[in-house]
Amino acid sequence: GWAPRVRAEIPLAAEQLQRYCGTYQLDTTRVRVFAADGRLRFEGNDPGFALLYQGRHVFVSAADKTVSVTFQFENDRAASFTLTRGGFESTARRME
């Protein structure tokens, strides 16, 4: 076996966090990504959760190790993200 992957949190400055913040449409769910207490939070239909920055626009859920969020950028802010949960992927687009 492989050693378990360690999920560290790379700190981001407040202005860097703002590049990811916004409202996104994920299938039929509206998702809000916002900064609180120095990290991003993800809120949709399910209870929200904190996101831990892993580098290269990739975040993982602080609550569920099977959840990751990878943001795609246009210009200087996130335009979409891919949510990976339990091996399934869904893509969301920024609404505003």
PDB file of N, CA and C in Angstrom:
ATOM      1  N   GLY A   1       0.529  -1.156   0.000  1.00  0.00           N
ATOM      2  CA  GLY A   1       0.000   0.000   0.000  1.00  0.00           C
ATOM      3  C   GLY A   1       0.615   1.343   0.000  1.00  0.00           C
ATOM      4  N   TRP A   2      -0.211   2.166  -0.528  1.00  0.00           N
ATOM      5  CA  TRP A   2       0.108   3.587  -0.591  1.00  0.00           C
ATOM      6  C   TRP A   2      -0.186   4.240   0.754  1.00  0.00           C
ATOM      7  N   ALA A   3       0.641   5.184   1.117  1.00  0.00           N
ATOM      8  CA  ALA A   3       0.397   5.965   2.322  1.00  0.00           C
ATOM      9  C   ALA A   3      -0.809   6.878   2.079  1.00  0.00           C
ATOM     10  N   PRO A   4      -1.641   7.119   3.107  1.00  0.00           N
ATOM     11  CA  PRO A   4      -2.783   8.010   2.907  1.00  0.00           C
ATOM     12  C   PRO A   4      -2.323   9.424   2.561  1.00  0.00           C
ATOM     13  N   ARG A   5      -3.089  10.066   1.677  1.00  0.00           N
ATOM     14  CA  ARG A   5      -2.752  11.425   1.269  1.00  0.00           C
ATOM     15  C   ARG A   5      -3.053  12.395   2.409  1.00  0.00           C
ATOM     16  N   VAL A   6      -2.083  13.203   2.750  1.00  0.00           N
ATOM     17  CA  VAL A   6      -2.247  14.193   3.799  1.00  0.00           C
ATOM     18  C   VAL A   6      -2.898  15.430   3.195  1.00  0.00           C
ATOM     19  N   ARG A   7      -3.930  15.918   3.866  1.00  0.00           N
ATOM     20  CA  ARG A   7      -4.627  17.113   3.401  1.00  0.00           C
ATOM     21  C   ARG A   7      -4.244  18.275   4.299  1.00  0.00           C
ATOM     22  N   ALA A   8      -3.286  19.021   3.834  1.00  0.00           N
ATOM     23  CA  ALA A   8      -2.854  20.207   4.561  1.00  0.00           C
ATOM     24  C   ALA A   8      -3.663  21.396   4.054  1.00  0.00           C
ATOM     25  N   GLU A   9      -3.594  22.485   4.778  1.00  0.00           N
ATOM     26  CA  GLU A   9      -4.260  23.694   4.312  1.00  0.00           C
ATOM     27  C   GLU A   9      -3.201  24.742   4.025  1.00  0.00           C
ATOM     28  N   ILE A  10      -3.165  25.216   2.781  1.00  0.00           N
ATOM     29  CA  ILE A  10      -2.252  26.285   2.399  1.00  0.00           C
ATOM     30  C   ILE A  10      -3.000  27.594   2.610  1.00  0.00           C
ATOM     31  N   PRO A  11      -2.473  28.492   3.434  1.00  0.00           N
ATOM     32  CA  PRO A  11      -3.195  29.736   3.700  1.00  0.00           C
ATOM     33  C   PRO A  11      -3.237  30.644   2.470  1.00  0.00           C
ATOM     34  N   LEU A  12      -4.362  31.341   2.318  1.00  0.00           N
ATOM     35  CA  LEU A  12      -4.535  32.335   1.265  1.00  0.00           C
ATOM     36  C   LEU A  12      -4.915  33.667   1.886  1.00  0.00           C
ATOM     37  N   ALA A  13      -4.411  34.750   1.323  1.00  0.00           N
ATOM     38  CA  ALA A  13      -4.777  36.092   1.780  1.00  0.00           C
ATOM     39  C   ALA A  13      -6.228  36.374   1.397  1.00  0.00           C
ATOM     40  N   ALA A  14      -6.843  37.300   2.110  1.00  0.00           N
ATOM     41  CA  ALA A  14      -8.259  37.636   1.879  1.00  0.00           C
ATOM     42  C   ALA A  14      -8.521  38.021   0.432  1.00  0.00           C
ATOM     43  N   GLU A  15      -7.634  38.796  -0.187  1.00  0.00           N
ATOM     44  CA  GLU A  15      -7.856  39.197  -1.582  1.00  0.00           C
ATOM     45  C   GLU A  15      -7.757  38.015  -2.542  1.00  0.00           C
ATOM     46  N   GLN A  16      -6.958  37.018  -2.200  1.00  0.00           N
ATOM     47  CA  GLN A  16      -6.888  35.810  -3.031  1.00  0.00           C
ATOM     48  C   GLN A  16      -8.174  34.996  -2.902  1.00  0.00           C
ATOM     49  N   LEU A  17      -8.717  34.896  -1.699  1.00  0.00           N
ATOM     50  CA  LEU A  17      -9.972  34.168  -1.483  1.00  0.00           C
ATOM     51  C   LEU A  17     -11.112  34.777  -2.291  1.00  0.00           C
ATOM     52  N   GLN A  18     -11.134  36.102  -2.410  1.00  0.00           N
ATOM     53  CA  GLN A  18     -12.223  36.787  -3.111  1.00  0.00           C
ATOM     54  C   GLN A  18     -12.313  36.383  -4.579  1.00  0.00           C
ATOM     55  N   ARG A  19     -11.244  35.934  -5.169  1.00  0.00           N
ATOM     56  CA  ARG A  19     -11.246  35.514  -6.577  1.00  0.00           C
ATOM     57  C   ARG A  19     -12.135  34.290  -6.816  1.00  0.00           C
ATOM     58  N   TYR A  20     -12.394  33.525  -5.765  1.00  0.00           N
ATOM     59  CA  TYR A  20     -13.216  32.318  -5.868  1.00  0.00           C
ATOM     60  C   TYR A  20     -14.674  32.570  -5.472  1.00  0.00           C
ATOM     61  N   CYS A  21     -14.910  33.622  -4.715  1.00  0.00           N
ATOM     62  CA  CYS A  21     -16.245  33.882  -4.152  1.00  0.00           C
ATOM     63  C   CYS A  21     -17.252  34.223  -5.234  1.00  0.00           C
ATOM     64  N   GLY A  22     -18.468  33.701  -5.061  1.00  0.00           N
ATOM     65  CA  GLY A  22     -19.539  34.002  -6.005  1.00  0.00           C
ATOM     66  C   GLY A  22     -20.662  32.997  -5.891  1.00  0.00           C
ATOM     67  N   THR A  23     -21.639  33.163  -6.771  1.00  0.00           N
ATOM     68  CA  THR A  23     -22.766  32.246  -6.851  1.00  0.00           C
ATOM     69  C   THR A  23     -22.612  31.439  -8.138  1.00  0.00           C
ATOM     70  N   TYR A  24     -22.758  30.133  -8.008  1.00  0.00           N
ATOM     71  CA  TYR A  24     -22.554  29.219  -9.128  1.00  0.00           C
ATOM     72  C   TYR A  24     -23.808  28.353  -9.311  1.00  0.00           C
ATOM     73  N   GLN A  25     -24.042  27.903 -10.546  1.00  0.00           N
ATOM     74  CA  GLN A  25     -25.140  26.989 -10.826  1.00  0.00           C
ATOM     75  C   GLN A  25     -24.556  25.602 -11.056  1.00  0.00           C
ATOM     76  N   LEU A  26     -24.922  24.655 -10.195  1.00  0.00           N
ATOM     77  CA  LEU A  26     -24.449  23.271 -10.253  1.00  0.00           C
ATOM     78  C   LEU A  26     -25.663  22.401 -10.510  1.00  0.00           C
ATOM     79  N   ASP A  27     -25.857  21.980 -11.753  1.00  0.00           N
ATOM     80  CA  ASP A  27     -27.062  21.252 -12.156  1.00  0.00           C
ATOM     81  C   ASP A  27     -28.282  22.091 -11.764  1.00  0.00           C
ATOM     82  N   THR A  28     -29.127  21.607 -10.872  1.00  0.00           N
ATOM     83  CA  THR A  28     -30.315  22.366 -10.463  1.00  0.00           C
ATOM     84  C   THR A  28     -30.120  23.089  -9.136  1.00  0.00           C
ATOM     85  N   THR A  29     -28.893  23.107  -8.635  1.00  0.00           N
ATOM     86  CA  THR A  29     -28.598  23.688  -7.326  1.00  0.00           C
ATOM     87  C   THR A  29     -27.797  24.975  -7.467  1.00  0.00           C
ATOM     88  N   ARG A  30     -28.210  25.992  -6.749  1.00  0.00           N
ATOM     89  CA  ARG A  30     -27.443  27.231  -6.666  1.00  0.00           C
ATOM     90  C   ARG A  30     -26.475  27.084  -5.494  1.00  0.00           C
ATOM     91  N   VAL A  31     -25.192  27.306  -5.763  1.00  0.00           N
ATOM     92  CA  VAL A  31     -24.142  27.148  -4.762  1.00  0.00           C
ATOM     93  C   VAL A  31     -23.523  28.507  -4.476  1.00  0.00           C
ATOM     94  N   ARG A  32     -23.355  28.793  -3.223  1.00  0.00           N
ATOM     95  CA  ARG A  32     -22.696  30.032  -2.798  1.00  0.00           C
ATOM     96  C   ARG A  32     -21.324  29.673  -2.239  1.00  0.00           C
ATOM     97  N   VAL A  33     -20.286  30.309  -2.782  1.00  0.00           N
ATOM     98  CA  VAL A  33     -18.921  30.163  -2.288  1.00  0.00           C
ATOM     99  C   VAL A  33     -18.527  31.521  -1.725  1.00  0.00           C
ATOM    100  N   PHE A  34     -18.117  31.547  -0.460  1.00  0.00           N
ATOM    101  CA  PHE A  34     -17.796  32.817   0.185  1.00  0.00           C
ATOM    102  C   PHE A  34     -16.673  32.623   1.195  1.00  0.00           C
ATOM    103  N   ALA A  35     -16.040  33.737   1.561  1.00  0.00           N
ATOM    104  CA  ALA A  35     -14.945  33.704   2.534  1.00  0.00           C
ATOM    105  C   ALA A  35     -15.489  33.974   3.926  1.00  0.00           C
ATOM    106  N   ALA A  36     -15.024  33.192   4.897  1.00  0.00           N
ATOM    107  CA  ALA A  36     -15.376  33.375   6.305  1.00  0.00           C
ATOM    108  C   ALA A  36     -14.244  32.806   7.155  1.00  0.00           C
ATOM    109  N   ASP A  37     -13.830  33.559   8.131  1.00  0.00           N
ATOM    110  CA  ASP A  37     -12.781  33.107   9.056  1.00  0.00           C
ATOM    111  C   ASP A  37     -11.505  32.678   8.347  1.00  0.00           C
ATOM    112  N   GLY A  38     -11.133  33.386   7.266  1.00  0.00           N
ATOM    113  CA  GLY A  38      -9.868  33.127   6.590  1.00  0.00           C
ATOM    114  C   GLY A  38      -9.838  31.936   5.657  1.00  0.00           C
ATOM    115  N   ARG A  39     -11.008  31.377   5.342  1.00  0.00           N
ATOM    116  CA  ARG A  39     -11.052  30.262   4.380  1.00  0.00           C
ATOM    117  C   ARG A  39     -12.356  30.332   3.604  1.00  0.00           C
ATOM    118  N   LEU A  40     -12.431  29.551   2.539  1.00  0.00           N
ATOM    119  CA  LEU A  40     -13.662  29.509   1.751  1.00  0.00           C
ATOM    120  C   LEU A  40     -14.672  28.588   2.390  1.00  0.00           C
ATOM    121  N   ARG A  41     -15.949  28.915   2.173  1.00  0.00           N
ATOM    122  CA  ARG A  41     -17.067  28.047   2.572  1.00  0.00           C
ATOM    123  C   ARG A  41     -17.906  27.768   1.341  1.00  0.00           C
ATOM    124  N   PHE A  42     -18.494  26.594   1.322  1.00  0.00           N
ATOM    125  CA  PHE A  42     -19.294  26.093   0.206  1.00  0.00           C
ATOM    126  C   PHE A  42     -20.681  25.789   0.745  1.00  0.00           C
ATOM    127  N   GLU A  43     -21.715  26.432   0.196  1.00  0.00           N
ATOM    128  CA  GLU A  43     -23.088  26.186   0.648  1.00  0.00           C
ATOM    129  C   GLU A  43     -23.992  25.946  -0.546  1.00  0.00           C
ATOM    130  N   GLY A  44     -24.712  24.840  -0.493  1.00  0.00           N
ATOM    131  CA  GLY A  44     -25.714  24.493  -1.497  1.00  0.00           C
ATOM    132  C   GLY A  44     -26.940  23.984  -0.778  1.00  0.00           C
ATOM    133  N   ASN A  45     -27.543  22.905  -1.290  1.00  0.00           N
ATOM    134  CA  ASN A  45     -28.711  22.310  -0.629  1.00  0.00           C
ATOM    135  C   ASN A  45     -28.332  21.574   0.654  1.00  0.00           C
ATOM    136  N   ASP A  46     -27.157  20.952   0.657  1.00  0.00           N
ATOM    137  CA  ASP A  46     -26.679  20.222   1.831  1.00  0.00           C
ATOM    138  C   ASP A  46     -26.101  21.217   2.834  1.00  0.00           C
ATOM    139  N   PRO A  47     -25.862  20.773   4.057  1.00  0.00           N
ATOM    140  CA  PRO A  47     -25.188  21.670   5.004  1.00  0.00           C
ATOM    141  C   PRO A  47     -23.851  22.140   4.419  1.00  0.00           C
ATOM    142  N   GLY A  48     -23.513  23.387   4.650  1.00  0.00           N
ATOM    143  CA  GLY A  48     -22.273  23.939   4.114  1.00  0.00           C
ATOM    144  C   GLY A  48     -21.043  23.342   4.781  1.00  0.00           C
ATOM    145  N   PHE A  49     -19.894  23.582   4.163  1.00  0.00           N
ATOM    146  CA  PHE A  49     -18.650  23.081   4.721  1.00  0.00           C
ATOM    147  C   PHE A  49     -17.498  24.007   4.349  1.00  0.00           C
ATOM    148  N   ALA A  50     -16.450  23.973   5.152  1.00  0.00           N
ATOM    149  CA  ALA A  50     -15.241  24.749   4.889  1.00  0.00           C
ATOM    150  C   ALA A  50     -14.407  24.031   3.843  1.00  0.00           C
ATOM    151  N   LEU A  51     -13.677  24.820   3.051  1.00  0.00           N
ATOM    152  CA  LEU A  51     -12.780  24.286   2.039  1.00  0.00           C
ATOM    153  C   LEU A  51     -11.329  24.574   2.431  1.00  0.00           C
ATOM    154  N   LEU A  52     -10.481  23.574   2.310  1.00  0.00           N
ATOM    155  CA  LEU A  52      -9.053  23.701   2.615  1.00  0.00           C
ATOM    156  C   LEU A  52      -8.277  23.790   1.306  1.00  0.00           C
ATOM    157  N   TYR A  53      -7.481  24.848   1.144  1.00  0.00           N
ATOM    158  CA  TYR A  53      -6.753  25.054  -0.102  1.00  0.00           C
ATOM    159  C   TYR A  53      -5.570  24.098  -0.204  1.00  0.00           C
ATOM    160  N   GLN A  54      -5.470  23.413  -1.376  1.00  0.00           N
ATOM    161  CA  GLN A  54      -4.409  22.434  -1.609  1.00  0.00           C
ATOM    162  C   GLN A  54      -3.362  22.922  -2.606  1.00  0.00           C
ATOM    163  N   GLY A  55      -3.627  24.060  -3.260  1.00  0.00           N
ATOM    164  CA  GLY A  55      -2.736  24.557  -4.307  1.00  0.00           C
ATOM    165  C   GLY A  55      -3.367  24.345  -5.672  1.00  0.00           C
ATOM    166  N   ARG A  56      -2.931  25.148  -6.648  1.00  0.00           N
ATOM    167  CA  ARG A  56      -3.392  25.039  -8.035  1.00  0.00           C
ATOM    168  C   ARG A  56      -4.910  25.090  -8.183  1.00  0.00           C
ATOM    169  N   HIS A  57      -5.560  25.945  -7.406  1.00  0.00           N
ATOM    170  CA  HIS A  57      -7.015  26.178  -7.447  1.00  0.00           C
ATOM    171  C   HIS A  57      -7.833  24.967  -6.996  1.00  0.00           C
ATOM    172  N   VAL A  58      -7.212  24.056  -6.252  1.00  0.00           N
ATOM    173  CA  VAL A  58      -7.897  22.866  -5.750  1.00  0.00           C
ATOM    174  C   VAL A  58      -8.142  23.022  -4.245  1.00  0.00           C
ATOM    175  N   PHE A  59      -9.381  22.735  -3.839  1.00  0.00           N
ATOM    176  CA  PHE A  59      -9.770  22.765  -2.433  1.00  0.00           C
ATOM    177  C   PHE A  59     -10.376  21.411  -2.080  1.00  0.00           C
ATOM    178  N   VAL A  60     -10.274  21.027  -0.822  1.00  0.00           N
ATOM    179  CA  VAL A  60     -10.929  19.817  -0.337  1.00  0.00           C
ATOM    180  C   VAL A  60     -11.823  20.191   0.831  1.00  0.00           C
ATOM    181  N   SER A  61     -12.848  19.399   1.045  1.00  0.00           N
ATOM    182  CA  SER A  61     -13.761  19.631   2.152  1.00  0.00           C
ATOM    183  C   SER A  61     -13.053  19.323   3.472  1.00  0.00           C
ATOM    184  N   ALA A  62     -13.267  20.202   4.450  1.00  0.00           N
ATOM    185  CA  ALA A  62     -12.723  19.954   5.783  1.00  0.00           C
ATOM    186  C   ALA A  62     -13.504  18.851   6.486  1.00  0.00           C
ATOM    187  N   ALA A  63     -14.727  18.575   6.015  1.00  0.00           N
ATOM    188  CA  ALA A  63     -15.610  17.619   6.685  1.00  0.00           C
ATOM    189  C   ALA A  63     -15.648  16.245   6.023  1.00  0.00           C
ATOM    190  N   ASP A  64     -15.363  16.168   4.716  1.00  0.00           N
ATOM    191  CA  ASP A  64     -15.531  14.913   3.979  1.00  0.00           C
ATOM    192  C   ASP A  64     -14.368  14.738   3.012  1.00  0.00           C
ATOM    193  N   LYS A  65     -13.511  13.768   3.271  1.00  0.00           N
ATOM    194  CA  LYS A  65     -12.305  13.589   2.462  1.00  0.00           C
ATOM    195  C   LYS A  65     -12.580  13.138   1.031  1.00  0.00           C
ATOM    196  N   THR A  66     -13.825  12.767   0.713  1.00  0.00           N
ATOM    197  CA  THR A  66     -14.143  12.358  -0.663  1.00  0.00           C
ATOM    198  C   THR A  66     -14.585  13.532  -1.537  1.00  0.00           C
ATOM    199  N   VAL A  67     -14.620  14.742  -0.974  1.00  0.00           N
ATOM    200  CA  VAL A  67     -15.112  15.913  -1.712  1.00  0.00           C
ATOM    201  C   VAL A  67     -13.961  16.853  -2.042  1.00  0.00           C
ATOM    202  N   SER A  68     -13.842  17.204  -3.325  1.00  0.00           N
ATOM    203  CA  SER A  68     -12.879  18.225  -3.736  1.00  0.00           C
ATOM    204  C   SER A  68     -13.560  19.178  -4.710  1.00  0.00           C
ATOM    205  N   VAL A  69     -13.054  20.407  -4.739  1.00  0.00           N
ATOM    206  CA  VAL A  69     -13.572  21.446  -5.620  1.00  0.00           C
ATOM    207  C   VAL A  69     -12.376  22.041  -6.345  1.00  0.00           C
ATOM    208  N   THR A  70     -12.384  21.967  -7.685  1.00  0.00           N
ATOM    209  CA  THR A  70     -11.314  22.506  -8.508  1.00  0.00           C
ATOM    210  C   THR A  70     -11.881  23.642  -9.342  1.00  0.00           C
ATOM    211  N   PHE A  71     -11.341  24.842  -9.149  1.00  0.00           N
ATOM    212  CA  PHE A  71     -11.833  26.023  -9.848  1.00  0.00           C
ATOM    213  C   PHE A  71     -11.084  26.224 -11.160  1.00  0.00           C
ATOM    214  N   GLN A  72     -11.823  26.680 -12.174  1.00  0.00           N
ATOM    215  CA  GLN A  72     -11.252  27.064 -13.452  1.00  0.00           C
ATOM    216  C   GLN A  72     -11.398  28.585 -13.568  1.00  0.00           C
ATOM    217  N   PHE A  73     -10.354  29.222 -14.068  1.00  0.00           N
ATOM    218  CA  PHE A  73     -10.307  30.686 -14.120  1.00  0.00           C
ATOM    219  C   PHE A  73     -10.446  31.216 -15.534  1.00  0.00           C
ATOM    220  N   GLU A  74     -11.076  32.384 -15.648  1.00  0.00           N
ATOM    221  CA  GLU A  74     -11.061  33.224 -16.838  1.00  0.00           C
ATOM    222  C   GLU A  74     -10.657  34.595 -16.343  1.00  0.00           C
ATOM    223  N   ASN A  75      -9.664  35.175 -16.967  1.00  0.00           N
ATOM    224  CA  ASN A  75      -9.101  36.448 -16.506  1.00  0.00           C
ATOM    225  C   ASN A  75      -8.575  36.261 -15.092  1.00  0.00           C
ATOM    226  N   ASP A  76      -9.035  37.059 -14.139  1.00  0.00           N
ATOM    227  CA  ASP A  76      -8.452  37.000 -12.797  1.00  0.00           C
ATOM    228  C   ASP A  76      -9.422  36.500 -11.734  1.00  0.00           C
ATOM    229  N   ARG A  77     -10.468  35.745 -12.141  1.00  0.00           N
ATOM    230  CA  ARG A  77     -11.399  35.201 -11.150  1.00  0.00           C
ATOM    231  C   ARG A  77     -11.961  33.874 -11.640  1.00  0.00           C
ATOM    232  N   ALA A  78     -12.456  33.099 -10.694  1.00  0.00           N
ATOM    233  CA  ALA A  78     -13.011  31.785 -11.032  1.00  0.00           C
ATOM    234  C   ALA A  78     -14.268  31.955 -11.872  1.00  0.00           C
ATOM    235  N   ALA A  79     -14.362  31.211 -12.960  1.00  0.00           N
ATOM    236  CA  ALA A  79     -15.531  31.241 -13.839  1.00  0.00           C
ATOM    237  C   ALA A  79     -16.385  29.993 -13.659  1.00  0.00           C
ATOM    238  N   SER A  80     -15.771  28.933 -13.127  1.00  0.00           N
ATOM    239  CA  SER A  80     -16.486  27.676 -12.927  1.00  0.00           C
ATOM    240  C   SER A  80     -15.703  26.823 -11.943  1.00  0.00           C
ATOM    241  N   PHE A  81     -16.324  25.718 -11.530  1.00  0.00           N
ATOM    242  CA  PHE A  81     -15.602  24.738 -10.725  1.00  0.00           C
ATOM    243  C   PHE A  81     -16.119  23.347 -11.042  1.00  0.00           C
ATOM    244  N   THR A  82     -15.282  22.370 -10.752  1.00  0.00           N
ATOM    245  CA  THR A  82     -15.657  20.965 -10.862  1.00  0.00           C
ATOM    246  C   THR A  82     -15.705  20.408  -9.448  1.00  0.00           C
ATOM    247  N   LEU A  83     -16.863  19.869  -9.087  1.00  0.00           N
ATOM    248  CA  LEU A  83     -17.061  19.244  -7.780  1.00  0.00           C
ATOM    249  C   LEU A  83     -16.900  17.746  -7.953  1.00  0.00           C
ATOM    250  N   THR A  84     -15.989  17.155  -7.189  1.00  0.00           N
ATOM    251  CA  THR A  84     -15.801  15.705  -7.195  1.00  0.00           C
ATOM    252  C   THR A  84     -16.245  15.199  -5.832  1.00  0.00           C
ATOM    253  N   ARG A  85     -17.213  14.280  -5.858  1.00  0.00           N
ATOM    254  CA  ARG A  85     -17.763  13.744  -4.612  1.00  0.00           C
ATOM    255  C   ARG A  85     -17.985  12.250  -4.805  1.00  0.00           C
ATOM    256  N   GLY A  86     -17.291  11.452  -4.002  1.00  0.00           N
ATOM    257  CA  GLY A  86     -17.457  10.006  -4.074  1.00  0.00           C
ATOM    258  C   GLY A  86     -17.172   9.432  -5.449  1.00  0.00           C
ATOM    259  N   GLY A  87     -16.243  10.039  -6.194  1.00  0.00           N
ATOM    260  CA  GLY A  87     -15.872   9.536  -7.513  1.00  0.00           C
ATOM    261  C   GLY A  87     -16.688  10.114  -8.658  1.00  0.00           C
ATOM    262  N   PHE A  88     -17.719  10.902  -8.378  1.00  0.00           N
ATOM    263  CA  PHE A  88     -18.543  11.519  -9.417  1.00  0.00           C
ATOM    264  C   PHE A  88     -18.165  12.984  -9.567  1.00  0.00           C
ATOM    265  N   GLU A  89     -18.205  13.481 -10.806  1.00  0.00           N
ATOM    266  CA  GLU A  89     -17.860  14.873 -11.075  1.00  0.00           C
ATOM    267  C   GLU A  89     -19.044  15.634 -11.637  1.00  0.00           C
ATOM    268  N   SER A  90     -19.182  16.881 -11.204  1.00  0.00           N
ATOM    269  CA  SER A  90     -20.186  17.804 -11.733  1.00  0.00           C
ATOM    270  C   SER A  90     -19.514  19.140 -11.923  1.00  0.00           C
ATOM    271  N   THR A  91     -19.930  19.869 -12.959  1.00  0.00           N
ATOM    272  CA  THR A  91     -19.346  21.179 -13.239  1.00  0.00           C
ATOM    273  C   THR A  91     -20.366  22.273 -12.998  1.00  0.00           C
ATOM    274  N   ALA A  92     -19.935  23.357 -12.391  1.00  0.00           N
ATOM    275  CA  ALA A  92     -20.788  24.503 -12.100  1.00  0.00           C
ATOM    276  C   ALA A  92     -20.211  25.736 -12.764  1.00  0.00           C
ATOM    277  N   ARG A  93     -21.098  26.631 -13.249  1.00  0.00           N
ATOM    278  CA  ARG A  93     -20.682  27.891 -13.861  1.00  0.00           C
ATOM    279  C   ARG A  93     -21.061  29.054 -12.954  1.00  0.00           C
ATOM    280  N   ARG A  94     -20.209  30.064 -12.930  1.00  0.00           N
ATOM    281  CA  ARG A  94     -20.485  31.285 -12.175  1.00  0.00           C
ATOM    282  C   ARG A  94     -21.714  31.964 -12.773  1.00  0.00           C
ATOM    283  N   MET A  95     -22.599  32.442 -11.907  1.00  0.00           N
ATOM    284  CA  MET A  95     -23.843  33.044 -12.361  1.00  0.00           C
ATOM    285  C   MET A  95     -23.749  34.557 -12.531  1.00  0.00           C
ATOM    286  N   GLU A  96     -22.898  35.229 -11.781  1.00  0.00           N
ATOM    287  CA  GLU A  96     -22.838  36.688 -11.916  1.00  0.00           C
ATOM    288  C   GLU A  96     -21.506  37.127 -12.454  1.00  0.00           C
TER     289      GLU A  96
END
